[in-house]
ModelCIF file with pLDDT and N, C-alpha, C, O atoms, coordinates in Angstrom:
data_MODEL
#
_entry.id   MODEL 
#
_entity.id                         1 
_entity.type                       polymer 
_entity.pdbx_number_of_molecules   1 
#
_entity_poly.entity_id                      1 
_entity_poly.type                           'polypeptide(L)' 
_entity_poly.nstd_linkage                   no 
_entity_poly.nstd_monomer                   no 
_entity_poly.pdbx_seq_one_letter_code       GRIIGREGRNIRALEAATGIEIIVDDTPEAIVL 
_entity_poly.pdbx_seq_one_letter_code_can   GRIIGREGRNIRALEAATGIEIIVDDTPEAIVL 
_entity_poly.pdbx_strand_id                 A 
#
loop_
_entity_poly_seq.entity_id 
_entity_poly_seq.num 
_entity_poly_seq.mon_id 
_entity_poly_seq.hetero 
1 1  GLY n 
1 2  ARG n 
1 3  ILE n 
1 4  ILE n 
1 5  GLY n 
1 6  ARG n 
1 7  GLU n 
1 8  GLY n 
1 9  ARG n 
1 10 ASN n 
1 11 ILE n 
1 12 ARG n 
1 13 ALA n 
1 14 LEU n 
1 15 GLU n 
1 16 ALA n 
1 17 ALA n 
1 18 THR n 
1 19 GLY n 
1 20 ILE n 
1 21 GLU n 
1 22 ILE n 
1 23 ILE n 
1 24 VAL n 
1 25 ASP n 
1 26 ASP n 
1 27 THR n 
1 28 PRO n 
1 29 GLU n 
1 30 ALA n 
1 31 ILE n 
1 32 VAL n 
1 33 LEU n 
#
_struct_asym.id          A 
_struct_asym.entity_id   1 
#
loop_
_ma_qa_metric.id 
_ma_qa_metric.mode 
_ma_qa_metric.name 
_ma_qa_metric.software_group_id 
_ma_qa_metric.type 
1 global pLDDT . pLDDT 
2 local  pLDDT . pLDDT 
#
_ma_qa_metric_global.metric_id      1 
_ma_qa_metric_global.metric_value   73.48 
_ma_qa_metric_global.model_id       1 
_ma_qa_metric_global.ordinal_id     1 
#
loop_
_ma_qa_metric_local.label_asym_id 
_ma_qa_metric_local.label_comp_id 
_ma_qa_metric_local.label_seq_id 
_ma_qa_metric_local.metric_id 
_ma_qa_metric_local.metric_value 
_ma_qa_metric_local.model_id 
_ma_qa_metric_local.ordinal_id 
A GLY 1  2 70.00 1 1  
A ARG 2  2 72.00 1 2  
A ILE 3  2 73.00 1 3  
A ILE 4  2 71.00 1 4  
A GLY 5  2 72.00 1 5  
A ARG 6  2 74.00 1 6  
A GLU 7  2 71.00 1 7  
A GLY 8  2 75.00 1 8  
A ARG 9  2 77.00 1 9  
A ASN 10 2 74.00 1 10 
A ILE 11 2 74.00 1 11 
A ARG 12 2 79.00 1 12 
A ALA 13 2 79.00 1 13 
A LEU 14 2 78.00 1 14 
A GLU 15 2 78.00 1 15 
A ALA 16 2 80.00 1 16 
A ALA 17 2 78.00 1 17 
A THR 18 2 78.00 1 18 
A GLY 19 2 75.00 1 19 
A ILE 20 2 75.00 1 20 
A GLU 21 2 76.00 1 21 
A ILE 22 2 75.00 1 22 
A ILE 23 2 75.00 1 23 
A VAL 24 2 72.00 1 24 
A ASP 25 2 66.00 1 25 
A ASP 26 2 64.00 1 26 
A THR 27 2 64.00 1 27 
A PRO 28 2 66.00 1 28 
A GLU 29 2 68.00 1 29 
A ALA 30 2 72.00 1 30 
A ILE 31 2 74.00 1 31 
A VAL 32 2 75.00 1 32 
A LEU 33 2 75.00 1 33 
#
loop_
_atom_site.group_PDB 
_atom_site.id 
_atom_site.type_symbol 
_atom_site.label_atom_id 
_atom_site.label_alt_id 
_atom_site.label_comp_id 
_atom_site.label_asym_id 
_atom_site.label_entity_id 
_atom_site.label_seq_id 
_atom_site.pdbx_PDB_ins_code 
_atom_site.Cartn_x 
_atom_site.Cartn_y 
_atom_site.Cartn_z 
_atom_site.occupancy 
_atom_site.B_iso_or_equiv 
_atom_site.pdbx_formal_charge 
_atom_site.auth_seq_id 
_atom_site.auth_comp_id 
_atom_site.auth_asym_id 
_atom_site.auth_atom_id 
_atom_site.pdbx_PDB_model_num 
ATOM 1   N N  . GLY A 1 1  ? -7.740 3.364  1.996  1.00 70.00 ? 1  GLY A N  1 
ATOM 2   C CA . GLY A 1 1  ? -8.374 3.019  0.733  1.00 70.00 ? 1  GLY A CA 1 
ATOM 3   C C  . GLY A 1 1  ? -7.818 3.815  -0.420 1.00 70.00 ? 1  GLY A C  1 
ATOM 4   O O  . GLY A 1 1  ? -7.634 3.284  -1.515 1.00 70.00 ? 1  GLY A O  1 
ATOM 5   N N  . ARG A 1 2  ? -7.547 5.091  -0.185 1.00 72.00 ? 2  ARG A N  1 
ATOM 6   C CA . ARG A 1 2  ? -6.983 5.923  -1.250 1.00 72.00 ? 2  ARG A CA 1 
ATOM 7   C C  . ARG A 1 2  ? -5.569 5.468  -1.593 1.00 72.00 ? 2  ARG A C  1 
ATOM 8   O O  . ARG A 1 2  ? -5.163 5.513  -2.754 1.00 72.00 ? 2  ARG A O  1 
ATOM 9   N N  . ILE A 1 3  ? -4.819 5.028  -0.581 1.00 73.00 ? 3  ILE A N  1 
ATOM 10  C CA . ILE A 1 3  ? -3.452 4.550  -0.842 1.00 73.00 ? 3  ILE A CA 1 
ATOM 11  C C  . ILE A 1 3  ? -3.493 3.248  -1.632 1.00 73.00 ? 3  ILE A C  1 
ATOM 12  O O  . ILE A 1 3  ? -2.679 3.025  -2.529 1.00 73.00 ? 3  ILE A O  1 
ATOM 13  N N  . ILE A 1 4  ? -4.478 2.367  -1.277 1.00 71.00 ? 4  ILE A N  1 
ATOM 14  C CA . ILE A 1 4  ? -4.579 1.102  -2.002 1.00 71.00 ? 4  ILE A CA 1 
ATOM 15  C C  . ILE A 1 4  ? -5.011 1.344  -3.440 1.00 71.00 ? 4  ILE A C  1 
ATOM 16  O O  . ILE A 1 4  ? -4.469 0.732  -4.360 1.00 71.00 ? 4  ILE A O  1 
ATOM 17  N N  . GLY A 1 5  ? -5.987 2.235  -3.647 1.00 72.00 ? 5  GLY A N  1 
ATOM 18  C CA . GLY A 1 5  ? -6.457 2.558  -4.993 1.00 72.00 ? 5  GLY A CA 1 
ATOM 19  C C  . GLY A 1 5  ? -7.405 1.510  -5.544 1.00 72.00 ? 5  GLY A C  1 
ATOM 20  O O  . GLY A 1 5  ? -7.652 0.473  -4.928 1.00 72.00 ? 5  GLY A O  1 
ATOM 21  N N  . ARG A 1 6  ? -7.927 1.814  -6.721 1.00 74.00 ? 6  ARG A N  1 
ATOM 22  C CA . ARG A 1 6  ? -8.861 0.892  -7.358 1.00 74.00 ? 6  ARG A CA 1 
ATOM 23  C C  . ARG A 1 6  ? -8.136 -0.395 -7.749 1.00 74.00 ? 6  ARG A C  1 
ATOM 24  O O  . ARG A 1 6  ? -7.163 -0.378 -8.503 1.00 74.00 ? 6  ARG A O  1 
ATOM 25  N N  . GLU A 1 7  ? -8.641 -1.517 -7.210 1.00 71.00 ? 7  GLU A N  1 
ATOM 26  C CA . GLU A 1 7  ? -8.087 -2.849 -7.446 1.00 71.00 ? 7  GLU A CA 1 
ATOM 27  C C  . GLU A 1 7  ? -6.606 -2.920 -7.066 1.00 71.00 ? 7  GLU A C  1 
ATOM 28  O O  . GLU A 1 7  ? -5.857 -3.742 -7.592 1.00 71.00 ? 7  GLU A O  1 
ATOM 29  N N  . GLY A 1 8  ? -6.197 -2.040 -6.138 1.00 75.00 ? 8  GLY A N  1 
ATOM 30  C CA . GLY A 1 8  ? -4.831 -2.079 -5.620 1.00 75.00 ? 8  GLY A CA 1 
ATOM 31  C C  . GLY A 1 8  ? -3.782 -1.509 -6.555 1.00 75.00 ? 8  GLY A C  1 
ATOM 32  O O  . GLY A 1 8  ? -2.599 -1.807 -6.395 1.00 75.00 ? 8  GLY A O  1 
ATOM 33  N N  . ARG A 1 9  ? -4.178 -0.695 -7.527 1.00 77.00 ? 9  ARG A N  1 
ATOM 34  C CA . ARG A 1 9  ? -3.197 -0.199 -8.492 1.00 77.00 ? 9  ARG A CA 1 
ATOM 35  C C  . ARG A 1 9  ? -2.238 0.806  -7.874 1.00 77.00 ? 9  ARG A C  1 
ATOM 36  O O  . ARG A 1 9  ? -1.061 0.844  -8.235 1.00 77.00 ? 9  ARG A O  1 
ATOM 37  N N  . ASN A 1 10 ? -2.731 1.623  -6.943 1.00 74.00 ? 10 ASN A N  1 
ATOM 38  C CA . ASN A 1 10 ? -1.839 2.613  -6.323 1.00 74.00 ? 10 ASN A CA 1 
ATOM 39  C C  . ASN A 1 10 ? -0.749 1.937  -5.500 1.00 74.00 ? 10 ASN A C  1 
ATOM 40  O O  . ASN A 1 10 ? 0.424  2.300  -5.584 1.00 74.00 ? 10 ASN A O  1 
ATOM 41  N N  . ILE A 1 11 ? -1.149 0.953  -4.708 1.00 74.00 ? 11 ILE A N  1 
ATOM 42  C CA . ILE A 1 11 ? -0.155 0.311  -3.841 1.00 74.00 ? 11 ILE A CA 1 
ATOM 43  C C  . ILE A 1 11 ? 0.839  -0.504 -4.679 1.00 74.00 ? 11 ILE A C  1 
ATOM 44  O O  . ILE A 1 11 ? 2.011  -0.602 -4.316 1.00 74.00 ? 11 ILE A O  1 
ATOM 45  N N  . ARG A 1 12 ? 0.384  -1.091 -5.795 1.00 79.00 ? 12 ARG A N  1 
ATOM 46  C CA . ARG A 1 12 ? 1.313  -1.813 -6.674 1.00 79.00 ? 12 ARG A CA 1 
ATOM 47  C C  . ARG A 1 12 ? 2.293  -0.848 -7.342 1.00 79.00 ? 12 ARG A C  1 
ATOM 48  O O  . ARG A 1 12 ? 3.478  -1.151 -7.476 1.00 79.00 ? 12 ARG A O  1 
ATOM 49  N N  . ALA A 1 13 ? 1.799  0.290  -7.751 1.00 79.00 ? 13 ALA A N  1 
ATOM 50  C CA . ALA A 1 13 ? 2.691  1.297  -8.358 1.00 79.00 ? 13 ALA A CA 1 
ATOM 51  C C  . ALA A 1 13 ? 3.720  1.792  -7.347 1.00 79.00 ? 13 ALA A C  1 
ATOM 52  O O  . ALA A 1 13 ? 4.886  2.000  -7.682 1.00 79.00 ? 13 ALA A O  1 
ATOM 53  N N  . LEU A 1 14 ? 3.270  1.979  -6.095 1.00 78.00 ? 14 LEU A N  1 
ATOM 54  C CA . LEU A 1 14 ? 4.198  2.444  -5.053 1.00 78.00 ? 14 LEU A CA 1 
ATOM 55  C C  . LEU A 1 14 ? 5.256  1.384  -4.740 1.00 78.00 ? 14 LEU A C  1 
ATOM 56  O O  . LEU A 1 14 ? 6.431  1.711  -4.572 1.00 78.00 ? 14 LEU A O  1 
ATOM 57  N N  . GLU A 1 15 ? 4.846  0.125  -4.663 1.00 78.00 ? 15 GLU A N  1 
ATOM 58  C CA . GLU A 1 15 ? 5.811  -0.949 -4.403 1.00 78.00 ? 15 GLU A CA 1 
ATOM 59  C C  . GLU A 1 15 ? 6.797  -1.087 -5.563 1.00 78.00 ? 15 GLU A C  1 
ATOM 60  O O  . GLU A 1 15 ? 7.987  -1.311 -5.343 1.00 78.00 ? 15 GLU A O  1 
ATOM 61  N N  . ALA A 1 16 ? 6.306  -0.955 -6.792 1.00 80.00 ? 16 ALA A N  1 
ATOM 62  C CA . ALA A 1 16 ? 7.198  -1.065 -7.952 1.00 80.00 ? 16 ALA A CA 1 
ATOM 63  C C  . ALA A 1 16 ? 8.190  0.092  -8.007 1.00 80.00 ? 16 ALA A C  1 
ATOM 64  O O  . ALA A 1 16 ? 9.346  -0.099 -8.383 1.00 80.00 ? 16 ALA A O  1 
ATOM 65  N N  . ALA A 1 17 ? 7.748  1.278  -7.637 1.00 78.00 ? 17 ALA A N  1 
ATOM 66  C CA . ALA A 1 17 ? 8.626  2.459  -7.714 1.00 78.00 ? 17 ALA A CA 1 
ATOM 67  C C  . ALA A 1 17 ? 9.667  2.471  -6.606 1.00 78.00 ? 17 ALA A C  1 
ATOM 68  O O  . ALA A 1 17 ? 10.791 2.923  -6.830 1.00 78.00 ? 17 ALA A O  1 
ATOM 69  N N  . THR A 1 18 ? 9.320  1.981  -5.403 1.00 78.00 ? 18 THR A N  1 
ATOM 70  C CA . THR A 1 18 ? 10.227 2.055  -4.252 1.00 78.00 ? 18 THR A CA 1 
ATOM 71  C C  . THR A 1 18 ? 10.963 0.764  -3.970 1.00 78.00 ? 18 THR A C  1 
ATOM 72  O O  . THR A 1 18 ? 12.023 0.786  -3.346 1.00 78.00 ? 18 THR A O  1 
ATOM 73  N N  . GLY A 1 19 ? 10.417 -0.379 -4.422 1.00 75.00 ? 19 GLY A N  1 
ATOM 74  C CA . GLY A 1 19 ? 11.031 -1.655 -4.103 1.00 75.00 ? 19 GLY A CA 1 
ATOM 75  C C  . GLY A 1 19 ? 10.788 -2.098 -2.678 1.00 75.00 ? 19 GLY A C  1 
ATOM 76  O O  . GLY A 1 19 ? 11.524 -2.941 -2.165 1.00 75.00 ? 19 GLY A O  1 
ATOM 77  N N  . ILE A 1 20 ? 9.770  -1.553 -2.020 1.00 75.00 ? 20 ILE A N  1 
ATOM 78  C CA . ILE A 1 20 ? 9.439  -1.855 -0.626 1.00 75.00 ? 20 ILE A CA 1 
ATOM 79  C C  . ILE A 1 20 ? 8.073  -2.525 -0.587 1.00 75.00 ? 20 ILE A C  1 
ATOM 80  O O  . ILE A 1 20 ? 7.158  -2.150 -1.320 1.00 75.00 ? 20 ILE A O  1 
ATOM 81  N N  . GLU A 1 21 ? 7.955  -3.522 0.280  1.00 76.00 ? 21 GLU A N  1 
ATOM 82  C CA . GLU A 1 21 ? 6.665  -4.174 0.472  1.00 76.00 ? 21 GLU A CA 1 
ATOM 83  C C  . GLU A 1 21 ? 5.812  -3.332 1.421  1.00 76.00 ? 21 GLU A C  1 
ATOM 84  O O  . GLU A 1 21 ? 6.238  -3.017 2.533  1.00 76.00 ? 21 GLU A O  1 
ATOM 85  N N  . ILE A 1 22 ? 4.614  -2.973 0.980  1.00 75.00 ? 22 ILE A N  1 
ATOM 86  C CA . ILE A 1 22 ? 3.705  -2.132 1.774  1.00 75.00 ? 22 ILE A CA 1 
ATOM 87  C C  . ILE A 1 22 ? 2.578  -3.026 2.290  1.00 75.00 ? 22 ILE A C  1 
ATOM 88  O O  . ILE A 1 22 ? 1.814  -3.597 1.512  1.00 75.00 ? 22 ILE A O  1 
ATOM 89  N N  . ILE A 1 23 ? 2.492  -3.137 3.615  1.00 75.00 ? 23 ILE A N  1 
ATOM 90  C CA . ILE A 1 23 ? 1.525  -4.024 4.271  1.00 75.00 ? 23 ILE A CA 1 
ATOM 91  C C  . ILE A 1 23 ? 0.392  -3.176 4.838  1.00 75.00 ? 23 ILE A C  1 
ATOM 92  O O  . ILE A 1 23 ? 0.603  -2.368 5.742  1.00 75.00 ? 23 ILE A O  1 
ATOM 93  N N  . VAL A 1 24 ? -0.798 -3.366 4.304  1.00 72.00 ? 24 VAL A N  1 
ATOM 94  C CA . VAL A 1 24 ? -1.988 -2.662 4.799  1.00 72.00 ? 24 VAL A CA 1 
ATOM 95  C C  . VAL A 1 24 ? -2.906 -3.722 5.414  1.00 72.00 ? 24 VAL A C  1 
ATOM 96  O O  . VAL A 1 24 ? -3.532 -4.503 4.697  1.00 72.00 ? 24 VAL A O  1 
ATOM 97  N N  . ASP A 1 25 ? -2.980 -3.740 6.739  1.00 66.00 ? 25 ASP A N  1 
ATOM 98  C CA . ASP A 1 25 ? -3.801 -4.750 7.412  1.00 66.00 ? 25 ASP A CA 1 
ATOM 99  C C  . ASP A 1 25 ? -4.813 -4.054 8.319  1.00 66.00 ? 25 ASP A C  1 
ATOM 100 O O  . ASP A 1 25 ? -5.144 -2.886 8.119  1.00 66.00 ? 25 ASP A O  1 
ATOM 101 N N  . ASP A 1 26 ? -5.295 -4.785 9.310  1.00 64.00 ? 26 ASP A N  1 
ATOM 102 C CA . ASP A 1 26 ? -6.322 -4.239 10.198 1.00 64.00 ? 26 ASP A CA 1 
ATOM 103 C C  . ASP A 1 26 ? -5.762 -3.343 11.297 1.00 64.00 ? 26 ASP A C  1 
ATOM 104 O O  . ASP A 1 26 ? -6.509 -2.859 12.147 1.00 64.00 ? 26 ASP A O  1 
ATOM 105 N N  . THR A 1 27 ? -4.466 -3.123 11.281 1.00 64.00 ? 27 THR A N  1 
ATOM 106 C CA . THR A 1 27 ? -3.880 -2.241 12.311 1.00 64.00 ? 27 THR A CA 1 
ATOM 107 C C  . THR A 1 27 ? -4.447 -0.834 12.137 1.00 64.00 ? 27 THR A C  1 
ATOM 108 O O  . THR A 1 27 ? -4.351 -0.255 11.055 1.00 64.00 ? 27 THR A O  1 
ATOM 109 N N  . PRO A 1 28 ? -5.034 -0.284 13.193 1.00 66.00 ? 28 PRO A N  1 
ATOM 110 C CA . PRO A 1 28 ? -5.670 1.031  13.045 1.00 66.00 ? 28 PRO A CA 1 
ATOM 111 C C  . PRO A 1 28 ? -4.654 2.146  12.851 1.00 66.00 ? 28 PRO A C  1 
ATOM 112 O O  . PRO A 1 28 ? -3.647 2.226  13.555 1.00 66.00 ? 28 PRO A O  1 
ATOM 113 N N  . GLU A 1 29 ? -4.950 3.018  11.860 1.00 68.00 ? 29 GLU A N  1 
ATOM 114 C CA . GLU A 1 29 ? -4.182 4.235  11.604 1.00 68.00 ? 29 GLU A CA 1 
ATOM 115 C C  . GLU A 1 29 ? -2.693 3.965  11.407 1.00 68.00 ? 29 GLU A C  1 
ATOM 116 O O  . GLU A 1 29 ? -1.856 4.733  11.879 1.00 68.00 ? 29 GLU A O  1 
ATOM 117 N N  . ALA A 1 30 ? -2.361 2.888  10.719 1.00 72.00 ? 30 ALA A N  1 
ATOM 118 C CA . ALA A 1 30 ? -0.946 2.574  10.499 1.00 72.00 ? 30 ALA A CA 1 
ATOM 119 C C  . ALA A 1 30 ? -0.794 1.728  9.242  1.00 72.00 ? 30 ALA A C  1 
ATOM 120 O O  . ALA A 1 30 ? -1.639 0.887  8.938  1.00 72.00 ? 30 ALA A O  1 
ATOM 121 N N  . ILE A 1 31 ? 0.279  1.960  8.531  1.00 74.00 ? 31 ILE A N  1 
ATOM 122 C CA . ILE A 1 31 ? 0.685  1.160  7.369  1.00 74.00 ? 31 ILE A CA 1 
ATOM 123 C C  . ILE A 1 31 ? 2.142  0.757  7.596  1.00 74.00 ? 31 ILE A C  1 
ATOM 124 O O  . ILE A 1 31 ? 2.966  1.591  7.969  1.00 74.00 ? 31 ILE A O  1 
ATOM 125 N N  . VAL A 1 32 ? 2.456  -0.505 7.376  1.00 75.00 ? 32 VAL A N  1 
ATOM 126 C CA . VAL A 1 32 ? 3.798  -1.028 7.624  1.00 75.00 ? 32 VAL A CA 1 
ATOM 127 C C  . VAL A 1 32 ? 4.577  -1.066 6.309  1.00 75.00 ? 32 VAL A C  1 
ATOM 128 O O  . VAL A 1 32 ? 4.116  -1.614 5.308  1.00 75.00 ? 32 VAL A O  1 
ATOM 129 N N  . LEU A 1 33 ? 5.771  -0.468 6.342  1.00 75.00 ? 33 LEU A N  1 
ATOM 130 C CA . LEU A 1 33 ? 6.688  -0.509 5.192  1.00 75.00 ? 33 LEU A CA 1 
ATOM 131 C C  . LEU A 1 33 ? 7.794  -1.499 5.536  1.00 75.00 ? 33 LEU A C  1 
ATOM 132 O O  . LEU A 1 33 ? 8.699  -1.718 4.730  1.00 75.00 ? 33 LEU A O  1 
#
């Protein structure tokens, strides 16, 4: 939740800065880059 941020602003900023798609799904304790 902290990585996603309010209304997804953190994850959008991270994707814009790195150019990588960040997938946050129901997979426990894992985020897919």
